[in-house]
Amino acid sequence: MITKELLKTEIDKVQNEYLELLYKVIKAFEPSLKTEYLDKTIPKGITKSNMELSWHEFIKATYGCLSNAPIERADQGKYEIREVIG
């Protein structure tokens, strides 16, 4: 089992150049910051309940959104014929 003491020991081994990134990762797990971040990044007109759609609801809501502009693969083209490896 990983303990806070083990984490602290491993943090002491991290190179100084990575400390800022590590700090951001640790702060991302604080519930209050996560909620505050979500509140600031929600676009106008979108409610939190809309953002909490399940994965299946998301797929149902977005499936076929490109049906009027489908992605097409162009012709492969012609390539030179090379020596057969045998």
PDB file of N, CA and C in Angstrom:
ATOM      1  N   MET A   1       0.839  -1.182   0.000  1.00  0.00           N
ATOM      2  CA  MET A   1       0.000   0.000   0.000  1.00  0.00           C
ATOM      3  C   MET A   1       0.885   1.248   0.000  1.00  0.00           C
ATOM      4  N   ILE A   2       0.498   2.228  -0.780  1.00  0.00           N
ATOM      5  CA  ILE A   2       1.261   3.471  -0.852  1.00  0.00           C
ATOM      6  C   ILE A   2       0.786   4.408   0.254  1.00  0.00           C
ATOM      7  N   THR A   3       1.735   4.909   1.009  1.00  0.00           N
ATOM      8  CA  THR A   3       1.411   5.829   2.096  1.00  0.00           C
ATOM      9  C   THR A   3       1.903   7.231   1.750  1.00  0.00           C
ATOM     10  N   LYS A   4       1.451   8.206   2.507  1.00  0.00           N
ATOM     11  CA  LYS A   4       1.904   9.582   2.300  1.00  0.00           C
ATOM     12  C   LYS A   4       3.402   9.690   2.553  1.00  0.00           C
ATOM     13  N   GLU A   5       3.894   8.929   3.525  1.00  0.00           N
ATOM     14  CA  GLU A   5       5.323   8.960   3.832  1.00  0.00           C
ATOM     15  C   GLU A   5       6.133   8.439   2.644  1.00  0.00           C
ATOM     16  N   LEU A   6       5.653   7.386   1.990  1.00  0.00           N
ATOM     17  CA  LEU A   6       6.342   6.850   0.821  1.00  0.00           C
ATOM     18  C   LEU A   6       6.337   7.884  -0.304  1.00  0.00           C
ATOM     19  N   LEU A   7       5.203   8.537  -0.507  1.00  0.00           N
ATOM     20  CA  LEU A   7       5.120   9.586  -1.531  1.00  0.00           C
ATOM     21  C   LEU A   7       6.090  10.728  -1.231  1.00  0.00           C
ATOM     22  N   LYS A   8       6.133  11.145   0.017  1.00  0.00           N
ATOM     23  CA  LYS A   8       7.040  12.230   0.401  1.00  0.00           C
ATOM     24  C   LYS A   8       8.495  11.839   0.137  1.00  0.00           C
ATOM     25  N   THR A   9       8.830  10.600   0.404  1.00  0.00           N
ATOM     26  CA  THR A   9      10.185  10.115   0.153  1.00  0.00           C
ATOM     27  C   THR A   9      10.499  10.168  -1.333  1.00  0.00           C
ATOM     28  N   GLU A  10       9.565   9.755  -2.162  1.00  0.00           N
ATOM     29  CA  GLU A  10       9.769   9.758  -3.612  1.00  0.00           C
ATOM     30  C   GLU A  10       9.828  11.190  -4.153  1.00  0.00           C
ATOM     31  N   ILE A  11       9.046  12.089  -3.576  1.00  0.00           N
ATOM     32  CA  ILE A  11       9.062  13.494  -4.006  1.00  0.00           C
ATOM     33  C   ILE A  11      10.434  14.110  -3.770  1.00  0.00           C
ATOM     34  N   ASP A  12      11.086  13.721  -2.696  1.00  0.00           N
ATOM     35  CA  ASP A  12      12.429  14.233  -2.410  1.00  0.00           C
ATOM     36  C   ASP A  12      13.425  13.844  -3.486  1.00  0.00           C
ATOM     37  N   LYS A  13      13.139  12.808  -4.259  1.00  0.00           N
ATOM     38  CA  LYS A  13      14.042  12.333  -5.308  1.00  0.00           C
ATOM     39  C   LYS A  13      13.792  13.020  -6.659  1.00  0.00           C
ATOM     40  N   VAL A  14      12.695  13.756  -6.778  1.00  0.00           N
ATOM     41  CA  VAL A  14      12.329  14.387  -8.048  1.00  0.00           C
ATOM     42  C   VAL A  14      13.287  15.541  -8.349  1.00  0.00           C
ATOM     43  N   GLN A  15      13.714  15.624  -9.608  1.00  0.00           N
ATOM     44  CA  GLN A  15      14.606  16.703 -10.024  1.00  0.00           C
ATOM     45  C   GLN A  15      13.884  18.040  -9.940  1.00  0.00           C
ATOM     46  N   ASN A  16      14.604  19.092  -9.620  1.00  0.00           N
ATOM     47  CA  ASN A  16      14.016  20.420  -9.440  1.00  0.00           C
ATOM     48  C   ASN A  16      13.239  20.910 -10.660  1.00  0.00           C
ATOM     49  N   GLU A  17      13.680  20.542 -11.840  1.00  0.00           N
ATOM     50  CA  GLU A  17      13.012  21.016 -13.052  1.00  0.00           C
ATOM     51  C   GLU A  17      11.593  20.465 -13.190  1.00  0.00           C
ATOM     52  N   TYR A  18      11.253  19.402 -12.469  1.00  0.00           N
ATOM     53  CA  TYR A  18       9.929  18.797 -12.561  1.00  0.00           C
ATOM     54  C   TYR A  18       9.017  19.158 -11.383  1.00  0.00           C
ATOM     55  N   LEU A  19       9.511  19.924 -10.445  1.00  0.00           N
ATOM     56  CA  LEU A  19       8.730  20.224  -9.243  1.00  0.00           C
ATOM     57  C   LEU A  19       7.448  20.992  -9.546  1.00  0.00           C
ATOM     58  N   GLU A  20       7.502  21.950 -10.459  1.00  0.00           N
ATOM     59  CA  GLU A  20       6.302  22.723 -10.777  1.00  0.00           C
ATOM     60  C   GLU A  20       5.222  21.825 -11.373  1.00  0.00           C
ATOM     61  N   LEU A  21       5.615  20.948 -12.273  1.00  0.00           N
ATOM     62  CA  LEU A  21       4.664  20.020 -12.878  1.00  0.00           C
ATOM     63  C   LEU A  21       4.083  19.077 -11.824  1.00  0.00           C
ATOM     64  N   LEU A  22       4.926  18.555 -10.970  1.00  0.00           N
ATOM     65  CA  LEU A  22       4.471  17.670  -9.904  1.00  0.00           C
ATOM     66  C   LEU A  22       3.495  18.396  -8.978  1.00  0.00           C
ATOM     67  N   TYR A  23       3.789  19.635  -8.680  1.00  0.00           N
ATOM     68  CA  TYR A  23       2.906  20.442  -7.834  1.00  0.00           C
ATOM     69  C   TYR A  23       1.525  20.583  -8.478  1.00  0.00           C
ATOM     70  N   LYS A  24       1.491  20.833  -9.779  1.00  0.00           N
ATOM     71  CA  LYS A  24       0.211  20.975 -10.487  1.00  0.00           C
ATOM     72  C   LYS A  24      -0.583  19.672 -10.457  1.00  0.00           C
ATOM     73  N   VAL A  25       0.122  18.552 -10.586  1.00  0.00           N
ATOM     74  CA  VAL A  25      -0.557  17.251 -10.534  1.00  0.00           C
ATOM     75  C   VAL A  25      -1.171  17.042  -9.150  1.00  0.00           C
ATOM     76  N   ILE A  26      -0.411  17.328  -8.121  1.00  0.00           N
ATOM     77  CA  ILE A  26      -0.909  17.154  -6.756  1.00  0.00           C
ATOM     78  C   ILE A  26      -2.106  18.069  -6.506  1.00  0.00           C
ATOM     79  N   LYS A  27      -2.021  19.319  -6.940  1.00  0.00           N
ATOM     80  CA  LYS A  27      -3.117  20.269  -6.725  1.00  0.00           C
ATOM     81  C   LYS A  27      -4.375  19.859  -7.488  1.00  0.00           C
ATOM     82  N   ALA A  28      -4.213  19.137  -8.589  1.00  0.00           N
ATOM     83  CA  ALA A  28      -5.366  18.707  -9.381  1.00  0.00           C
ATOM     84  C   ALA A  28      -6.252  17.731  -8.619  1.00  0.00           C
ATOM     85  N   PHE A  29      -5.713  17.097  -7.593  1.00  0.00           N
ATOM     86  CA  PHE A  29      -6.485  16.139  -6.820  1.00  0.00           C
ATOM     87  C   PHE A  29      -7.224  16.764  -5.648  1.00  0.00           C
ATOM     88  N   GLU A  30      -7.082  18.053  -5.444  1.00  0.00           N
ATOM     89  CA  GLU A  30      -7.817  18.726  -4.380  1.00  0.00           C
ATOM     90  C   GLU A  30      -9.232  19.006  -4.857  1.00  0.00           C
ATOM     91  N   PRO A  31     -10.250  18.484  -4.179  1.00  0.00           N
ATOM     92  CA  PRO A  31     -11.634  18.641  -4.631  1.00  0.00           C
ATOM     93  C   PRO A  31     -12.064  20.092  -4.799  1.00  0.00           C
ATOM     94  N   SER A  32     -11.669  20.956  -3.886  1.00  0.00           N
ATOM     95  CA  SER A  32     -12.116  22.345  -3.979  1.00  0.00           C
ATOM     96  C   SER A  32     -11.548  23.024  -5.217  1.00  0.00           C
ATOM     97  N   LEU A  33     -10.314  22.749  -5.533  1.00  0.00           N
ATOM     98  CA  LEU A  33      -9.713  23.345  -6.724  1.00  0.00           C
ATOM     99  C   LEU A  33     -10.353  22.794  -7.990  1.00  0.00           C
ATOM    100  N   LYS A  34     -10.645  21.516  -7.989  1.00  0.00           N
ATOM    101  CA  LYS A  34     -11.249  20.905  -9.168  1.00  0.00           C
ATOM    102  C   LYS A  34     -12.612  21.529  -9.434  1.00  0.00           C
ATOM    103  N   THR A  35     -13.410  21.685  -8.406  1.00  0.00           N
ATOM    104  CA  THR A  35     -14.729  22.292  -8.553  1.00  0.00           C
ATOM    105  C   THR A  35     -14.605  23.738  -9.007  1.00  0.00           C
ATOM    106  N   GLU A  36     -13.676  24.473  -8.408  1.00  0.00           N
ATOM    107  CA  GLU A  36     -13.467  25.871  -8.785  1.00  0.00           C
ATOM    108  C   GLU A  36     -13.022  25.973 -10.232  1.00  0.00           C
ATOM    109  N   TYR A  37     -12.136  25.070 -10.650  1.00  0.00           N
ATOM    110  CA  TYR A  37     -11.654  25.063 -12.036  1.00  0.00           C
ATOM    111  C   TYR A  37     -12.804  24.794 -12.988  1.00  0.00           C
ATOM    112  N   LEU A  38     -13.638  23.811 -12.675  1.00  0.00           N
ATOM    113  CA  LEU A  38     -14.769  23.489 -13.542  1.00  0.00           C
ATOM    114  C   LEU A  38     -15.727  24.671 -13.649  1.00  0.00           C
ATOM    115  N   ASP A  39     -15.972  25.352 -12.548  1.00  0.00           N
ATOM    116  CA  ASP A  39     -16.876  26.499 -12.564  1.00  0.00           C
ATOM    117  C   ASP A  39     -16.361  27.588 -13.499  1.00  0.00           C
ATOM    118  N   LYS A  40     -15.051  27.793 -13.545  1.00  0.00           N
ATOM    119  CA  LYS A  40     -14.479  28.844 -14.377  1.00  0.00           C
ATOM    120  C   LYS A  40     -14.437  28.471 -15.851  1.00  0.00           C
ATOM    121  N   THR A  41     -14.408  27.168 -16.151  1.00  0.00           N
ATOM    122  CA  THR A  41     -14.224  26.753 -17.536  1.00  0.00           C
ATOM    123  C   THR A  41     -15.518  26.345 -18.231  1.00  0.00           C
ATOM    124  N   ILE A  42     -16.630  26.384 -17.545  1.00  0.00           N
ATOM    125  CA  ILE A  42     -17.895  26.019 -18.172  1.00  0.00           C
ATOM    126  C   ILE A  42     -18.329  27.149 -19.104  1.00  0.00           C
ATOM    127  N   PRO A  43     -18.499  26.866 -20.391  1.00  0.00           N
ATOM    128  CA  PRO A  43     -18.940  27.910 -21.323  1.00  0.00           C
ATOM    129  C   PRO A  43     -20.332  28.416 -20.969  1.00  0.00           C
ATOM    130  N   LYS A  44     -20.622  29.664 -21.322  1.00  0.00           N
ATOM    131  CA  LYS A  44     -21.933  30.235 -21.043  1.00  0.00           C
ATOM    132  C   LYS A  44     -23.003  29.422 -21.747  1.00  0.00           C
ATOM    133  N   GLY A  45     -24.121  29.216 -21.091  1.00  0.00           N
ATOM    134  CA  GLY A  45     -25.225  28.461 -21.666  1.00  0.00           C
ATOM    135  C   GLY A  45     -25.148  26.973 -21.381  1.00  0.00           C
ATOM    136  N   ILE A  46     -24.049  26.512 -20.812  1.00  0.00           N
ATOM    137  CA  ILE A  46     -23.893  25.102 -20.469  1.00  0.00           C
ATOM    138  C   ILE A  46     -24.029  24.971 -18.956  1.00  0.00           C
ATOM    139  N   THR A  47     -24.878  24.082 -18.530  1.00  0.00           N
ATOM    140  CA  THR A  47     -25.046  23.870 -17.098  1.00  0.00           C
ATOM    141  C   THR A  47     -24.170  22.704 -16.651  1.00  0.00           C
ATOM    142  N   LYS A  48     -23.931  22.640 -15.356  1.00  0.00           N
ATOM    143  CA  LYS A  48     -23.134  21.541 -14.827  1.00  0.00           C
ATOM    144  C   LYS A  48     -23.801  20.203 -15.116  1.00  0.00           C
ATOM    145  N   SER A  49     -25.128  20.162 -15.060  1.00  0.00           N
ATOM    146  CA  SER A  49     -25.810  18.890 -15.308  1.00  0.00           C
ATOM    147  C   SER A  49     -25.565  18.426 -16.740  1.00  0.00           C
ATOM    148  N   ASN A  50     -25.455  19.372 -17.685  1.00  0.00           N
ATOM    149  CA  ASN A  50     -25.140  18.992 -19.061  1.00  0.00           C
ATOM    150  C   ASN A  50     -23.748  18.393 -19.150  1.00  0.00           C
ATOM    151  N   MET A  51     -22.838  18.902 -18.330  1.00  0.00           N
ATOM    152  CA  MET A  51     -21.466  18.424 -18.367  1.00  0.00           C
ATOM    153  C   MET A  51     -21.322  17.057 -17.727  1.00  0.00           C
ATOM    154  N   GLU A  52     -22.300  16.669 -16.919  1.00  0.00           N
ATOM    155  CA  GLU A  52     -22.207  15.411 -16.199  1.00  0.00           C
ATOM    156  C   GLU A  52     -22.930  14.279 -16.926  1.00  0.00           C
ATOM    157  N   LEU A  53     -23.069  14.392 -18.236  1.00  0.00           N
ATOM    158  CA  LEU A  53     -23.692  13.330 -19.009  1.00  0.00           C
ATOM    159  C   LEU A  53     -22.849  12.072 -18.917  1.00  0.00           C
ATOM    160  N   SER A  54     -23.519  10.944 -18.920  1.00  0.00           N
ATOM    161  CA  SER A  54     -22.759   9.702 -18.943  1.00  0.00           C
ATOM    162  C   SER A  54     -22.139   9.525 -20.320  1.00  0.00           C
ATOM    163  N   TRP A  55     -21.207   8.618 -20.421  1.00  0.00           N
ATOM    164  CA  TRP A  55     -20.518   8.380 -21.688  1.00  0.00           C
ATOM    165  C   TRP A  55     -21.507   7.989 -22.774  1.00  0.00           C
ATOM    166  N   HIS A  56     -22.455   7.143 -22.453  1.00  0.00           N
ATOM    167  CA  HIS A  56     -23.426   6.702 -23.453  1.00  0.00           C
ATOM    168  C   HIS A  56     -24.316   7.858 -23.919  1.00  0.00           C
ATOM    169  N   GLU A  57     -24.699   8.719 -23.003  1.00  0.00           N
ATOM    170  CA  GLU A  57     -25.504   9.883 -23.383  1.00  0.00           C
ATOM    171  C   GLU A  57     -24.702  10.809 -24.294  1.00  0.00           C
ATOM    172  N   PHE A  58     -23.420  10.948 -24.007  1.00  0.00           N
ATOM    173  CA  PHE A  58     -22.558  11.778 -24.842  1.00  0.00           C
ATOM    174  C   PHE A  58     -22.496  11.220 -26.266  1.00  0.00           C
ATOM    175  N   ILE A  59     -22.315   9.903 -26.382  1.00  0.00           N
ATOM    176  CA  ILE A  59     -22.253   9.279 -27.704  1.00  0.00           C
ATOM    177  C   ILE A  59     -23.588   9.473 -28.430  1.00  0.00           C
ATOM    178  N   LYS A  60     -24.697   9.260 -27.748  1.00  0.00           N
ATOM    179  CA  LYS A  60     -26.010   9.441 -28.373  1.00  0.00           C
ATOM    180  C   LYS A  60     -26.204  10.880 -28.843  1.00  0.00           C
ATOM    181  N   ALA A  61     -25.703  11.829 -28.061  1.00  0.00           N
ATOM    182  CA  ALA A  61     -25.885  13.244 -28.392  1.00  0.00           C
ATOM    183  C   ALA A  61     -25.001  13.681 -29.553  1.00  0.00           C
ATOM    184  N   THR A  62     -23.856  13.029 -29.736  1.00  0.00           N
ATOM    185  CA  THR A  62     -22.930  13.489 -30.767  1.00  0.00           C
ATOM    186  C   THR A  62     -22.828  12.564 -31.970  1.00  0.00           C
ATOM    187  N   TYR A  63     -23.382  11.364 -31.882  1.00  0.00           N
ATOM    188  CA  TYR A  63     -23.285  10.401 -32.982  1.00  0.00           C
ATOM    189  C   TYR A  63     -23.921  10.986 -34.241  1.00  0.00           C
ATOM    190  N   GLY A  64     -23.204  10.916 -35.323  1.00  0.00           N
ATOM    191  CA  GLY A  64     -23.732  11.390 -36.599  1.00  0.00           C
ATOM    192  C   GLY A  64     -23.619  12.882 -36.803  1.00  0.00           C
ATOM    193  N   CYS A  65     -22.876  13.579 -35.956  1.00  0.00           N
ATOM    194  CA  CYS A  65     -22.784  15.035 -36.084  1.00  0.00           C
ATOM    195  C   CYS A  65     -22.075  15.458 -37.367  1.00  0.00           C
ATOM    196  N   LEU A  66     -21.357  14.554 -38.013  1.00  0.00           N
ATOM    197  CA  LEU A  66     -20.686  14.871 -39.274  1.00  0.00           C
ATOM    198  C   LEU A  66     -21.383  14.221 -40.465  1.00  0.00           C
ATOM    199  N   SER A  67     -22.624  13.800 -40.297  1.00  0.00           N
ATOM    200  CA  SER A  67     -23.309  13.086 -41.372  1.00  0.00           C
ATOM    201  C   SER A  67     -23.506  13.962 -42.608  1.00  0.00           C
ATOM    202  N   ASN A  68     -23.624  15.267 -42.429  1.00  0.00           N
ATOM    203  CA  ASN A  68     -23.798  16.144 -43.594  1.00  0.00           C
ATOM    204  C   ASN A  68     -22.454  16.558 -44.207  1.00  0.00           C
ATOM    205  N   ALA A  69     -21.350  16.201 -43.570  1.00  0.00           N
ATOM    206  CA  ALA A  69     -20.014  16.483 -44.105  1.00  0.00           C
ATOM    207  C   ALA A  69     -19.115  15.286 -43.803  1.00  0.00           C
ATOM    208  N   PRO A  70     -19.408  14.148 -44.422  1.00  0.00           N
ATOM    209  CA  PRO A  70     -18.657  12.940 -44.071  1.00  0.00           C
ATOM    210  C   PRO A  70     -17.182  13.039 -44.444  1.00  0.00           C
ATOM    211  N   ILE A  71     -16.377  12.325 -43.695  1.00  0.00           N
ATOM    212  CA  ILE A  71     -14.951  12.275 -43.966  1.00  0.00           C
ATOM    213  C   ILE A  71     -14.748  11.308 -45.126  1.00  0.00           C
ATOM    214  N   GLU A  72     -14.013  11.739 -46.123  1.00  0.00           N
ATOM    215  CA  GLU A  72     -13.781  10.899 -47.293  1.00  0.00           C
ATOM    216  C   GLU A  72     -12.296  10.622 -47.447  1.00  0.00           C
ATOM    217  N   ARG A  73     -12.005   9.425 -47.910  1.00  0.00           N
ATOM    218  CA  ARG A  73     -10.611   9.062 -48.176  1.00  0.00           C
ATOM    219  C   ARG A  73     -10.349   9.264 -49.658  1.00  0.00           C
ATOM    220  N   ALA A  74      -9.316   9.992 -49.948  1.00  0.00           N
ATOM    221  CA  ALA A  74      -8.955  10.245 -51.346  1.00  0.00           C
ATOM    222  C   ALA A  74      -8.347   8.989 -51.950  1.00  0.00           C
ATOM    223  N   ASP A  75      -8.219   8.983 -53.274  1.00  0.00           N
ATOM    224  CA  ASP A  75      -7.587   7.854 -53.943  1.00  0.00           C
ATOM    225  C   ASP A  75      -6.179   7.672 -53.410  1.00  0.00           C
ATOM    226  N   GLN A  76      -5.750   6.415 -53.380  1.00  0.00           N
ATOM    227  CA  GLN A  76      -4.434   6.111 -52.831  1.00  0.00           C
ATOM    228  C   GLN A  76      -3.320   6.626 -53.730  1.00  0.00           C
ATOM    229  N   GLY A  77      -3.554   6.668 -55.001  1.00  0.00           N
ATOM    230  CA  GLY A  77      -2.511   7.133 -55.900  1.00  0.00           C
ATOM    231  C   GLY A  77      -1.687   5.970 -56.417  1.00  0.00           C
ATOM    232  N   LYS A  78      -0.781   6.275 -57.300  1.00  0.00           N
ATOM    233  CA  LYS A  78       0.065   5.233 -57.881  1.00  0.00           C
ATOM    234  C   LYS A  78       1.479   5.386 -57.356  1.00  0.00           C
ATOM    235  N   TYR A  79       2.046   4.265 -56.983  1.00  0.00           N
ATOM    236  CA  TYR A  79       3.406   4.252 -56.468  1.00  0.00           C
ATOM    237  C   TYR A  79       4.287   3.456 -57.422  1.00  0.00           C
ATOM    238  N   GLU A  80       5.538   3.794 -57.413  1.00  0.00           N
ATOM    239  CA  GLU A  80       6.472   3.090 -58.299  1.00  0.00           C
ATOM    240  C   GLU A  80       6.549   1.624 -57.909  1.00  0.00           C
ATOM    241  N   ILE A  81       6.724   0.764 -58.870  1.00  0.00           N
ATOM    242  CA  ILE A  81       6.871  -0.656 -58.604  1.00  0.00           C
ATOM    243  C   ILE A  81       8.342  -0.897 -58.275  1.00  0.00           C
ATOM    244  N   ARG A  82       8.575  -1.483 -57.147  1.00  0.00           N
ATOM    245  CA  ARG A  82       9.945  -1.713 -56.695  1.00  0.00           C
ATOM    246  C   ARG A  82      10.324  -3.177 -56.860  1.00  0.00           C
ATOM    247  N   GLU A  83      11.566  -3.419 -56.661  1.00  0.00           N
ATOM    248  CA  GLU A  83      12.102  -4.749 -56.768  1.00  0.00           C
ATOM    249  C   GLU A  83      11.461  -5.664 -55.727  1.00  0.00           C
ATOM    250  N   VAL A  84      11.098  -6.854 -56.113  1.00  0.00           N
ATOM    251  CA  VAL A  84      10.484  -7.815 -55.207  1.00  0.00           C
ATOM    252  C   VAL A  84      11.545  -8.345 -54.255  1.00  0.00           C
ATOM    253  N   ILE A  85      11.228  -8.360 -52.981  1.00  0.00           N
ATOM    254  CA  ILE A  85      12.161  -8.905 -51.973  1.00  0.00           C
ATOM    255  C   ILE A  85      11.845 -10.379 -51.841  1.00  0.00           C
ATOM    256  N   GLY A  86      12.806 -11.197 -52.014  1.00  0.00           N
ATOM    257  CA  GLY A  86      12.507 -12.617 -52.003  1.00  0.00           C
ATOM    258  C   GLY A  86      13.404 -13.436 -51.260  1.00  0.00           C
TER     259      GLY A  86
END
